[in-house]
Amino acid sequence: KPEDTALYYCAADAPFRCSHHYWPSDEYEYWGRGTQVTV
């Protein structure tokens, strides 16, 4: 959808970051530079 237009990043951190307790916190340690998606 047009509202999906954004710069998309992936990030890495300890496994517990992907849990309902922490999601959607962006306190990830490692980040890529992003890739642009335009709809």
PDB file of all heavy atoms in Angstrom:
ATOM      1  N   LYS A   1       0.843  -1.188   0.000  1.00  0.00           N
ATOM      2  CA  LYS A   1       0.000   0.000   0.000  1.00  0.00           C
ATOM      3  C   LYS A   1       0.884   1.246   0.000  1.00  0.00           C
ATOM      4  O   LYS A   1       2.036   1.184   0.461  1.00  0.00           O
ATOM      5  CB  LYS A   1      -0.886   0.003   1.243  1.00  0.00           C
ATOM      6  CG  LYS A   1      -1.741  -1.244   1.401  1.00  0.00           C
ATOM      7  CD  LYS A   1      -2.511  -1.213   2.710  1.00  0.00           C
ATOM      8  CE  LYS A   1      -3.358  -2.472   2.870  1.00  0.00           C
ATOM      9  NZ  LYS A   1      -4.140  -2.460   4.140  1.00  0.00           N
ATOM     10  N   PRO A   2       0.362   2.365  -0.456  1.00  0.00           N
ATOM     11  CA  PRO A   2       1.171   3.598  -0.440  1.00  0.00           C
ATOM     12  C   PRO A   2       1.719   3.923   0.943  1.00  0.00           C
ATOM     13  O   PRO A   2       2.835   4.445   1.068  1.00  0.00           O
ATOM     14  CB  PRO A   2       0.191   4.669  -0.929  1.00  0.00           C
ATOM     15  CG  PRO A   2      -0.741   3.915  -1.815  1.00  0.00           C
ATOM     16  CD  PRO A   2      -0.905   2.567  -1.164  1.00  0.00           C
ATOM     17  N   GLU A   3       0.980   3.598   1.980  1.00  0.00           N
ATOM     18  CA  GLU A   3       1.440   3.878   3.343  1.00  0.00           C
ATOM     19  C   GLU A   3       2.589   2.978   3.784  1.00  0.00           C
ATOM     20  O   GLU A   3       3.152   3.176   4.869  1.00  0.00           O
ATOM     21  CB  GLU A   3       0.281   3.792   4.347  1.00  0.00           C
ATOM     22  CG  GLU A   3      -0.516   2.518   4.281  1.00  0.00           C
ATOM     23  CD  GLU A   3      -1.773   2.653   3.442  1.00  0.00           C
ATOM     24  OE1 GLU A   3      -1.717   3.299   2.364  1.00  0.00           O
ATOM     25  OE2 GLU A   3      -2.815   2.098   3.861  1.00  0.00           O
ATOM     26  N   ASP A   4       2.939   1.981   2.980  1.00  0.00           N
ATOM     27  CA  ASP A   4       4.119   1.170   3.267  1.00  0.00           C
ATOM     28  C   ASP A   4       5.408   1.836   2.771  1.00  0.00           C
ATOM     29  O   ASP A   4       6.506   1.335   3.029  1.00  0.00           O
ATOM     30  CB  ASP A   4       3.998  -0.209   2.603  1.00  0.00           C
ATOM     31  CG  ASP A   4       2.875  -1.042   3.171  1.00  0.00           C
ATOM     32  OD1 ASP A   4       2.705  -1.041   4.416  1.00  0.00           O
ATOM     33  OD2 ASP A   4       2.161  -1.692   2.380  1.00  0.00           O
ATOM     34  N   THR A   5       5.271   2.934   2.074  1.00  0.00           N
ATOM     35  CA  THR A   5       6.444   3.643   1.568  1.00  0.00           C
ATOM     36  C   THR A   5       7.317   4.123   2.720  1.00  0.00           C
ATOM     37  O   THR A   5       6.841   4.816   3.625  1.00  0.00           O
ATOM     38  CB  THR A   5       6.008   4.849   0.715  1.00  0.00           C
ATOM     39  OG1 THR A   5       5.324   4.374  -0.449  1.00  0.00           O
ATOM     40  CG2 THR A   5       7.217   5.684   0.296  1.00  0.00           C
ATOM     41  N   ALA A   6       8.575   3.732   2.709  1.00  0.00           N
ATOM     42  CA  ALA A   6       9.489   4.079   3.789  1.00  0.00           C
ATOM     43  C   ALA A   6      10.878   3.537   3.479  1.00  0.00           C
ATOM     44  O   ALA A   6      11.056   2.744   2.550  1.00  0.00           O
ATOM     45  CB  ALA A   6       9.018   3.500   5.121  1.00  0.00           C
ATOM     46  N   LEU A   7      11.823   3.961   4.282  1.00  0.00           N
ATOM     47  CA  LEU A   7      13.156   3.346   4.289  1.00  0.00           C
ATOM     48  C   LEU A   7      13.106   2.196   5.281  1.00  0.00           C
ATOM     49  O   LEU A   7      12.746   2.396   6.441  1.00  0.00           O
ATOM     50  CB  LEU A   7      14.201   4.379   4.695  1.00  0.00           C
ATOM     51  CG  LEU A   7      15.669   3.972   4.594  1.00  0.00           C
ATOM     52  CD1 LEU A   7      16.026   3.620   3.153  1.00  0.00           C
ATOM     53  CD2 LEU A   7      16.565   5.102   5.097  1.00  0.00           C
ATOM     54  N   TYR A   8      13.421   1.005   4.806  1.00  0.00           N
ATOM     55  CA  TYR A   8      13.321  -0.195   5.622  1.00  0.00           C
ATOM     56  C   TYR A   8      14.703  -0.621   6.104  1.00  0.00           C
ATOM     57  O   TYR A   8      15.639  -0.719   5.314  1.00  0.00           O
ATOM     58  CB  TYR A   8      12.685  -1.335   4.828  1.00  0.00           C
ATOM     59  CG  TYR A   8      11.193  -1.221   4.700  1.00  0.00           C
ATOM     60  CD1 TYR A   8      10.618  -0.230   3.912  1.00  0.00           C
ATOM     61  CD2 TYR A   8      10.337  -2.076   5.385  1.00  0.00           C
ATOM     62  CE1 TYR A   8       9.246  -0.099   3.801  1.00  0.00           C
ATOM     63  CE2 TYR A   8       8.964  -1.968   5.284  1.00  0.00           C
ATOM     64  CZ  TYR A   8       8.428  -0.975   4.491  1.00  0.00           C
ATOM     65  OH  TYR A   8       7.051  -0.862   4.388  1.00  0.00           O
ATOM     66  N   TYR A   9      14.785  -0.870   7.389  1.00  0.00           N
ATOM     67  CA  TYR A   9      16.036  -1.286   8.014  1.00  0.00           C
ATOM     68  C   TYR A   9      15.881  -2.673   8.626  1.00  0.00           C
ATOM     69  O   TYR A   9      14.819  -3.022   9.129  1.00  0.00           O
ATOM     70  CB  TYR A   9      16.408  -0.350   9.161  1.00  0.00           C
ATOM     71  CG  TYR A   9      16.595   1.093   8.800  1.00  0.00           C
ATOM     72  CD1 TYR A   9      15.532   1.993   8.844  1.00  0.00           C
ATOM     73  CD2 TYR A   9      17.856   1.582   8.453  1.00  0.00           C
ATOM     74  CE1 TYR A   9      15.712   3.332   8.530  1.00  0.00           C
ATOM     75  CE2 TYR A   9      18.053   2.926   8.151  1.00  0.00           C
ATOM     76  CZ  TYR A   9      16.973   3.784   8.190  1.00  0.00           C
ATOM     77  OH  TYR A   9      17.157   5.114   7.885  1.00  0.00           O
ATOM     78  N   CYS A  10      16.977  -3.431   8.642  1.00  0.00           N
ATOM     79  CA  CYS A  10      17.024  -4.596   9.501  1.00  0.00           C
ATOM     80  C   CYS A  10      18.026  -4.328  10.620  1.00  0.00           C
ATOM     81  O   CYS A  10      18.952  -3.516  10.465  1.00  0.00           O
ATOM     82  CB  CYS A  10      17.371  -5.866   8.740  1.00  0.00           C
ATOM     83  SG  CYS A  10      19.026  -5.956   8.022  1.00  0.00           S
ATOM     84  N   ALA A  11      17.802  -4.976  11.731  1.00  0.00           N
ATOM     85  CA  ALA A  11      18.628  -4.767  12.918  1.00  0.00           C
ATOM     86  C   ALA A  11      18.768  -6.088  13.658  1.00  0.00           C
ATOM     87  O   ALA A  11      17.911  -6.970  13.549  1.00  0.00           O
ATOM     88  CB  ALA A  11      17.991  -3.715  13.823  1.00  0.00           C
ATOM     89  N   ALA A  12      19.848  -6.211  14.415  1.00  0.00           N
ATOM     90  CA  ALA A  12      20.134  -7.446  15.142  1.00  0.00           C
ATOM     91  C   ALA A  12      20.414  -7.162  16.605  1.00  0.00           C
ATOM     92  O   ALA A  12      21.049  -6.147  16.950  1.00  0.00           O
ATOM     93  CB  ALA A  12      21.314  -8.168  14.506  1.00  0.00           C
ATOM     94  N   ASP A  13      19.951  -8.063  17.444  1.00  0.00           N
ATOM     95  CA  ASP A  13      20.234  -7.958  18.876  1.00  0.00           C
ATOM     96  C   ASP A  13      19.989  -9.330  19.497  1.00  0.00           C
ATOM     97  O   ASP A  13      19.735 -10.318  18.793  1.00  0.00           O
ATOM     98  CB  ASP A  13      19.350  -6.900  19.534  1.00  0.00           C
ATOM     99  CG  ASP A  13      19.954  -6.341  20.815  1.00  0.00           C
ATOM    100  OD1 ASP A  13      19.895  -7.053  21.842  1.00  0.00           O
ATOM    101  OD2 ASP A  13      20.462  -5.201  20.790  1.00  0.00           O
ATOM    102  N   ALA A  14      20.067  -9.396  20.809  1.00  0.00           N
ATOM    103  CA  ALA A  14      19.869 -10.667  21.509  1.00  0.00           C
ATOM    104  C   ALA A  14      18.471 -11.233  21.214  1.00  0.00           C
ATOM    105  O   ALA A  14      17.529 -10.474  20.961  1.00  0.00           O
ATOM    106  CB  ALA A  14      20.041 -10.456  22.999  1.00  0.00           C
ATOM    107  N   PRO A  15      18.339 -12.545  21.255  1.00  0.00           N
ATOM    108  CA  PRO A  15      17.063 -13.169  20.869  1.00  0.00           C
ATOM    109  C   PRO A  15      15.838 -12.651  21.614  1.00  0.00           C
ATOM    110  O   PRO A  15      14.743 -12.600  21.049  1.00  0.00           O
ATOM    111  CB  PRO A  15      17.303 -14.650  21.160  1.00  0.00           C
ATOM    112  CG  PRO A  15      18.769 -14.832  20.961  1.00  0.00           C
ATOM    113  CD  PRO A  15      19.383 -13.567  21.490  1.00  0.00           C
ATOM    114  N   PHE A  16      16.005 -12.259  22.885  1.00  0.00           N
ATOM    115  CA  PHE A  16      14.836 -11.836  23.656  1.00  0.00           C
ATOM    116  C   PHE A  16      14.184 -10.569  23.103  1.00  0.00           C
ATOM    117  O   PHE A  16      13.043 -10.251  23.459  1.00  0.00           O
ATOM    118  CB  PHE A  16      15.213 -11.623  25.127  1.00  0.00           C
ATOM    119  CG  PHE A  16      16.124 -10.453  25.382  1.00  0.00           C
ATOM    120  CD1 PHE A  16      15.629  -9.154  25.454  1.00  0.00           C
ATOM    121  CD2 PHE A  16      17.492 -10.634  25.552  1.00  0.00           C
ATOM    122  CE1 PHE A  16      16.467  -8.079  25.693  1.00  0.00           C
ATOM    123  CE2 PHE A  16      18.343  -9.570  25.793  1.00  0.00           C
ATOM    124  CZ  PHE A  16      17.821  -8.287  25.863  1.00  0.00           C
ATOM    125  N   ARG A  17      14.918  -9.826  22.246  1.00  0.00           N
ATOM    126  CA  ARG A  17      14.327  -8.606  21.677  1.00  0.00           C
ATOM    127  C   ARG A  17      13.093  -8.922  20.847  1.00  0.00           C
ATOM    128  O   ARG A  17      12.211  -8.062  20.719  1.00  0.00           O
ATOM    129  CB  ARG A  17      15.351  -7.877  20.791  1.00  0.00           C
ATOM    130  CG  ARG A  17      16.449  -7.191  21.550  1.00  0.00           C
ATOM    131  CD  ARG A  17      15.953  -5.994  22.305  1.00  0.00           C
ATOM    132  NE  ARG A  17      17.023  -5.355  23.075  1.00  0.00           N
ATOM    133  CZ  ARG A  17      16.831  -4.540  24.077  1.00  0.00           C
ATOM    134  NH1 ARG A  17      15.605  -4.227  24.446  1.00  0.00           N
ATOM    135  NH2 ARG A  17      17.860  -4.016  24.704  1.00  0.00           N
ATOM    136  N   CYS A  18      13.038 -10.108  20.294  1.00  0.00           N
ATOM    137  CA  CYS A  18      11.844 -10.492  19.537  1.00  0.00           C
ATOM    138  C   CYS A  18      10.945 -11.316  20.455  1.00  0.00           C
ATOM    139  O   CYS A  18      10.816 -12.530  20.302  1.00  0.00           O
ATOM    140  CB  CYS A  18      12.204 -11.266  18.277  1.00  0.00           C
ATOM    141  SG  CYS A  18      10.772 -11.580  17.214  1.00  0.00           S
ATOM    142  N   SER A  19      10.373 -10.633  21.410  1.00  0.00           N
ATOM    143  CA  SER A  19       9.395 -11.237  22.300  1.00  0.00           C
ATOM    144  C   SER A  19       8.324 -10.187  22.542  1.00  0.00           C
ATOM    145  O   SER A  19       8.569  -8.986  22.415  1.00  0.00           O
ATOM    146  CB  SER A  19      10.033 -11.672  23.616  1.00  0.00           C
ATOM    147  OG  SER A  19      10.547 -10.558  24.326  1.00  0.00           O
ATOM    148  N   HIS A  20       7.142 -10.627  22.926  1.00  0.00           N
ATOM    149  CA  HIS A  20       6.053  -9.672  23.124  1.00  0.00           C
ATOM    150  C   HIS A  20       6.346  -8.699  24.265  1.00  0.00           C
ATOM    151  O   HIS A  20       5.792  -7.605  24.304  1.00  0.00           O
ATOM    152  CB  HIS A  20       4.747 -10.426  23.352  1.00  0.00           C
ATOM    153  CG  HIS A  20       4.262 -11.119  22.120  1.00  0.00           C
ATOM    154  ND1 HIS A  20       3.685 -10.445  21.066  1.00  0.00           N
ATOM    155  CD2 HIS A  20       4.304 -12.425  21.747  1.00  0.00           C
ATOM    156  CE1 HIS A  20       3.365 -11.305  20.101  1.00  0.00           C
ATOM    157  NE2 HIS A  20       3.736 -12.511  20.493  1.00  0.00           N
ATOM    158  N   HIS A  21       7.223  -9.079  25.155  1.00  0.00           N
ATOM    159  CA  HIS A  21       7.574  -8.176  26.257  1.00  0.00           C
ATOM    160  C   HIS A  21       8.323  -6.947  25.738  1.00  0.00           C
ATOM    161  O   HIS A  21       8.147  -5.834  26.259  1.00  0.00           O
ATOM    162  CB  HIS A  21       8.436  -8.912  27.283  1.00  0.00           C
ATOM    163  CG  HIS A  21       8.832  -8.066  28.441  1.00  0.00           C
ATOM    164  ND1 HIS A  21       7.960  -7.744  29.470  1.00  0.00           N
ATOM    165  CD2 HIS A  21       9.996  -7.456  28.750  1.00  0.00           C
ATOM    166  CE1 HIS A  21       8.586  -6.983  30.350  1.00  0.00           C
ATOM    167  NE2 HIS A  21       9.827  -6.792  29.935  1.00  0.00           N
ATOM    168  N   TYR A  22       9.179  -7.127  24.736  1.00  0.00           N
ATOM    169  CA  TYR A  22      10.017  -6.034  24.263  1.00  0.00           C
ATOM    170  C   TYR A  22       9.516  -5.414  22.957  1.00  0.00           C
ATOM    171  O   TYR A  22       9.792  -4.242  22.690  1.00  0.00           O
ATOM    172  CB  TYR A  22      11.459  -6.512  24.059  1.00  0.00           C
ATOM    173  CG  TYR A  22      12.178  -6.762  25.349  1.00  0.00           C
ATOM    174  CD1 TYR A  22      12.231  -8.037  25.913  1.00  0.00           C
ATOM    175  CD2 TYR A  22      12.795  -5.719  26.029  1.00  0.00           C
ATOM    176  CE1 TYR A  22      12.880  -8.260  27.111  1.00  0.00           C
ATOM    177  CE2 TYR A  22      13.450  -5.932  27.227  1.00  0.00           C
ATOM    178  CZ  TYR A  22      13.482  -7.209  27.765  1.00  0.00           C
ATOM    179  OH  TYR A  22      14.134  -7.424  28.944  1.00  0.00           O
ATOM    180  N   TRP A  23       8.865  -6.179  22.133  1.00  0.00           N
ATOM    181  CA  TRP A  23       8.390  -5.660  20.851  1.00  0.00           C
ATOM    182  C   TRP A  23       7.374  -4.557  21.084  1.00  0.00           C
ATOM    183  O   TRP A  23       6.505  -4.712  21.933  1.00  0.00           O
ATOM    184  CB  TRP A  23       7.770  -6.792  20.022  1.00  0.00           C
ATOM    185  CG  TRP A  23       7.262  -6.343  18.713  1.00  0.00           C
ATOM    186  CD1 TRP A  23       5.955  -6.110  18.366  1.00  0.00           C
ATOM    187  CD2 TRP A  23       8.039  -6.033  17.555  1.00  0.00           C
ATOM    188  NE1 TRP A  23       5.882  -5.684  17.075  1.00  0.00           N
ATOM    189  CE2 TRP A  23       7.134  -5.629  16.551  1.00  0.00           C
ATOM    190  CE3 TRP A  23       9.408  -6.055  17.275  1.00  0.00           C
ATOM    191  CZ2 TRP A  23       7.568  -5.259  15.275  1.00  0.00           C
ATOM    192  CZ3 TRP A  23       9.831  -5.694  16.016  1.00  0.00           C
ATOM    193  CH2 TRP A  23       8.921  -5.296  15.040  1.00  0.00           C
ATOM    194  N   PRO A  24       7.378  -3.423  20.344  1.00  0.00           N
ATOM    195  CA  PRO A  24       8.207  -3.143  19.171  1.00  0.00           C
ATOM    196  C   PRO A  24       9.384  -2.219  19.448  1.00  0.00           C
ATOM    197  O   PRO A  24       9.762  -1.409  18.618  1.00  0.00           O
ATOM    198  CB  PRO A  24       7.202  -2.448  18.240  1.00  0.00           C
ATOM    199  CG  PRO A  24       6.356  -1.645  19.177  1.00  0.00           C
ATOM    200  CD  PRO A  24       6.279  -2.453  20.452  1.00  0.00           C
ATOM    201  N   SER A  25      10.005  -2.373  20.614  1.00  0.00           N
ATOM    202  CA  SER A  25      11.169  -1.545  20.932  1.00  0.00           C
ATOM    203  C   SER A  25      12.229  -1.639  19.826  1.00  0.00           C
ATOM    204  O   SER A  25      12.485  -2.716  19.292  1.00  0.00           O
ATOM    205  CB  SER A  25      11.782  -2.008  22.245  1.00  0.00           C
ATOM    206  OG  SER A  25      13.030  -1.407  22.443  1.00  0.00           O
ATOM    207  N   ASP A  26      12.830  -0.514  19.507  1.00  0.00           N
ATOM    208  CA  ASP A  26      13.888  -0.499  18.487  1.00  0.00           C
ATOM    209  C   ASP A  26      15.273  -0.429  19.129  1.00  0.00           C
ATOM    210  O   ASP A  26      16.232   0.012  18.509  1.00  0.00           O
ATOM    211  CB  ASP A  26      13.697   0.649  17.500  1.00  0.00           C
ATOM    212  CG  ASP A  26      13.786   2.011  18.154  1.00  0.00           C
ATOM    213  OD1 ASP A  26      13.931   2.078  19.402  1.00  0.00           O
ATOM    214  OD2 ASP A  26      13.723   3.020  17.431  1.00  0.00           O
ATOM    215  N   GLU A  27      15.395  -0.903  20.337  1.00  0.00           N
ATOM    216  CA  GLU A  27      16.684  -0.885  21.030  1.00  0.00           C
ATOM    217  C   GLU A  27      17.545  -2.060  20.593  1.00  0.00           C
ATOM    218  O   GLU A  27      17.939  -2.903  21.406  1.00  0.00           O
ATOM    219  CB  GLU A  27      16.460  -0.885  22.542  1.00  0.00           C
ATOM    220  CG  GLU A  27      15.798   0.377  23.041  1.00  0.00           C
ATOM    221  CD  GLU A  27      15.600   0.378  24.554  1.00  0.00           C
ATOM    222  OE1 GLU A  27      15.877  -0.648  25.206  1.00  0.00           O
ATOM    223  OE2 GLU A  27      15.162   1.409  25.071  1.00  0.00           O
ATOM    224  N   TYR A  28      17.804  -2.109  19.301  1.00  0.00           N
ATOM    225  CA  TYR A  28      18.665  -3.126  18.731  1.00  0.00           C
ATOM    226  C   TYR A  28      20.075  -2.555  18.603  1.00  0.00           C
ATOM    227  O   TYR A  28      20.252  -1.368  18.303  1.00  0.00           O
ATOM    228  CB  TYR A  28      18.141  -3.549  17.356  1.00  0.00           C
ATOM    229  CG  TYR A  28      16.983  -4.519  17.397  1.00  0.00           C
ATOM    230  CD1 TYR A  28      15.782  -4.174  18.003  1.00  0.00           C
ATOM    231  CD2 TYR A  28      17.092  -5.775  16.834  1.00  0.00           C
ATOM    232  CE1 TYR A  28      14.721  -5.060  18.049  1.00  0.00           C
ATOM    233  CE2 TYR A  28      16.037  -6.674  16.847  1.00  0.00           C
ATOM    234  CZ  TYR A  28      14.857  -6.309  17.457  1.00  0.00           C
ATOM    235  OH  TYR A  28      13.810  -7.204  17.490  1.00  0.00           O
ATOM    236  N   GLU A  29      21.057  -3.404  18.772  1.00  0.00           N
ATOM    237  CA  GLU A  29      22.437  -2.911  18.795  1.00  0.00           C
ATOM    238  C   GLU A  29      23.002  -2.687  17.395  1.00  0.00           C
ATOM    239  O   GLU A  29      23.733  -1.731  17.169  1.00  0.00           O
ATOM    240  CB  GLU A  29      23.324  -3.901  19.549  1.00  0.00           C
ATOM    241  CG  GLU A  29      24.768  -3.418  19.700  1.00  0.00           C
ATOM    242  CD  GLU A  29      25.570  -4.265  20.657  1.00  0.00           C
ATOM    243  OE1 GLU A  29      25.025  -5.261  21.180  1.00  0.00           O
ATOM    244  OE2 GLU A  29      26.759  -3.950  20.868  1.00  0.00           O
ATOM    245  N   TYR A  30      22.693  -3.564  16.466  1.00  0.00           N
ATOM    246  CA  TYR A  30      23.312  -3.496  15.147  1.00  0.00           C
ATOM    247  C   TYR A  30      22.259  -3.176  14.091  1.00  0.00           C
ATOM    248  O   TYR A  30      21.185  -3.773  14.078  1.00  0.00           O
ATOM    249  CB  TYR A  30      24.006  -4.819  14.820  1.00  0.00           C
ATOM    250  CG  TYR A  30      24.993  -5.247  15.866  1.00  0.00           C
ATOM    251  CD1 TYR A  30      24.684  -6.256  16.772  1.00  0.00           C
ATOM    252  CD2 TYR A  30      26.237  -4.623  15.964  1.00  0.00           C
ATOM    253  CE1 TYR A  30      25.589  -6.638  17.747  1.00  0.00           C
ATOM    254  CE2 TYR A  30      27.149  -5.011  16.934  1.00  0.00           C
ATOM    255  CZ  TYR A  30      26.820  -6.012  17.820  1.00  0.00           C
ATOM    256  OH  TYR A  30      27.725  -6.377  18.786  1.00  0.00           O
ATOM    257  N   TRP A  31      22.620  -2.269  13.183  1.00  0.00           N
ATOM    258  CA  TRP A  31      21.684  -1.793  12.173  1.00  0.00           C
ATOM    259  C   TRP A  31      22.326  -1.769  10.797  1.00  0.00           C
ATOM    260  O   TRP A  31      23.522  -1.475  10.652  1.00  0.00           O
ATOM    261  CB  TRP A  31      21.216  -0.364  12.516  1.00  0.00           C
ATOM    262  CG  TRP A  31      20.327  -0.312  13.700  1.00  0.00           C
ATOM    263  CD1 TRP A  31      20.712  -0.314  15.016  1.00  0.00           C
ATOM    264  CD2 TRP A  31      18.912  -0.245  13.691  1.00  0.00           C
ATOM    265  NE1 TRP A  31      19.603  -0.267  15.827  1.00  0.00           N
ATOM    266  CE2 TRP A  31      18.477  -0.217  15.043  1.00  0.00           C
ATOM    267  CE3 TRP A  31      17.938  -0.201  12.689  1.00  0.00           C
ATOM    268  CZ2 TRP A  31      17.134  -0.158  15.410  1.00  0.00           C
ATOM    269  CZ3 TRP A  31      16.602  -0.147  13.050  1.00  0.00           C
ATOM    270  CH2 TRP A  31      16.216  -0.118  14.388  1.00  0.00           C
ATOM    271  N   GLY A  32      21.509  -2.058   9.786  1.00  0.00           N
ATOM    272  CA  GLY A  32      21.935  -1.825   8.421  1.00  0.00           C
ATOM    273  C   GLY A  32      21.646  -0.386   8.029  1.00  0.00           C
ATOM    274  O   GLY A  32      21.136   0.403   8.833  1.00  0.00           O
ATOM    275  N   ARG A  33      21.942  -0.058   6.787  1.00  0.00           N
ATOM    276  CA  ARG A  33      21.764   1.317   6.308  1.00  0.00           C
ATOM    277  C   ARG A  33      20.416   1.547   5.655  1.00  0.00           C
ATOM    278  O   ARG A  33      20.064   2.687   5.351  1.00  0.00           O
ATOM    279  CB  ARG A  33      22.881   1.675   5.336  1.00  0.00           C
ATOM    280  CG  ARG A  33      24.249   1.734   6.000  1.00  0.00           C
ATOM    281  CD  ARG A  33      25.311   2.272   5.078  1.00  0.00           C
ATOM    282  NE  ARG A  33      26.590   2.418   5.743  1.00  0.00           N
ATOM    283  CZ  ARG A  33      27.659   2.944   5.180  1.00  0.00           C
ATOM    284  NH1 ARG A  33      27.612   3.378   3.941  1.00  0.00           N
ATOM    285  NH2 ARG A  33      28.787   3.046   5.867  1.00  0.00           N
ATOM    286  N   GLY A  34      19.673   0.501   5.423  1.00  0.00           N
ATOM    287  CA  GLY A  34      18.333   0.656   4.895  1.00  0.00           C
ATOM    288  C   GLY A  34      18.221   0.456   3.399  1.00  0.00           C
ATOM    289  O   GLY A  34      19.197   0.573   2.646  1.00  0.00           O
ATOM    290  N   THR A  35      16.998   0.130   2.979  1.00  0.00           N
ATOM    291  CA  THR A  35      16.664   0.003   1.564  1.00  0.00           C
ATOM    292  C   THR A  35      15.304   0.669   1.350  1.00  0.00           C
ATOM    293  O   THR A  35      14.384   0.474   2.148  1.00  0.00           O
ATOM    294  CB  THR A  35      16.668  -1.467   1.110  1.00  0.00           C
ATOM    295  OG1 THR A  35      16.437  -1.544  -0.295  1.00  0.00           O
ATOM    296  CG2 THR A  35      15.616  -2.302   1.830  1.00  0.00           C
ATOM    297  N   GLN A  36      15.188   1.447   0.285  1.00  0.00           N
ATOM    298  CA  GLN A  36      13.994   2.254   0.072  1.00  0.00           C
ATOM    299  C   GLN A  36      12.898   1.457  -0.622  1.00  0.00           C
ATOM    300  O   GLN A  36      13.138   0.836  -1.668  1.00  0.00           O
ATOM    301  CB  GLN A  36      14.336   3.495  -0.767  1.00  0.00           C
ATOM    302  CG  GLN A  36      13.142   4.390  -1.076  1.00  0.00           C
ATOM    303  CD  GLN A  36      12.583   5.068   0.150  1.00  0.00           C
ATOM    304  OE1 GLN A  36      13.324   5.503   1.040  1.00  0.00           O
ATOM    305  NE2 GLN A  36      11.256   5.169   0.225  1.00  0.00           N
ATOM    306  N   VAL A  37      11.714   1.519  -0.040  1.00  0.00           N
ATOM    307  CA  VAL A  37      10.519   0.938  -0.660  1.00  0.00           C
ATOM    308  C   VAL A  37       9.552   2.082  -0.950  1.00  0.00           C
ATOM    309  O   VAL A  37       9.199   2.835  -0.042  1.00  0.00           O
ATOM    310  CB  VAL A  37       9.861  -0.093   0.272  1.00  0.00           C
ATOM    311  CG1 VAL A  37       8.517  -0.551  -0.305  1.00  0.00           C
ATOM    312  CG2 VAL A  37      10.787  -1.280   0.481  1.00  0.00           C
ATOM    313  N   THR A  38       9.152   2.197  -2.201  1.00  0.00           N
ATOM    314  CA  THR A  38       8.196   3.217  -2.598  1.00  0.00           C
ATOM    315  C   THR A  38       7.024   2.544  -3.292  1.00  0.00           C
ATOM    316  O   THR A  38       7.209   1.810  -4.262  1.00  0.00           O
ATOM    317  CB  THR A  38       8.843   4.240  -3.542  1.00  0.00           C
ATOM    318  OG1 THR A  38       9.986   4.829  -2.894  1.00  0.00           O
ATOM    319  CG2 THR A  38       7.859   5.345  -3.903  1.00  0.00           C
ATOM    320  N   VAL A  39       5.838   2.794  -2.766  1.00  0.00           N
ATOM    321  CA  VAL A  39       4.626   2.212  -3.331  1.00  0.00           C
ATOM    322  C   VAL A  39       3.801   3.347  -3.929  1.00  0.00           C
ATOM    323  O   VAL A  39       3.268   4.189  -3.206  1.00  0.00           O
ATOM    324  CB  VAL A  39       3.808   1.451  -2.270  1.00  0.00           C
ATOM    325  CG1 VAL A  39       2.609   0.763  -2.927  1.00  0.00           C
ATOM    326  CG2 VAL A  39       4.687   0.453  -1.535  1.00  0.00           C
TER     327      VAL A  39
END
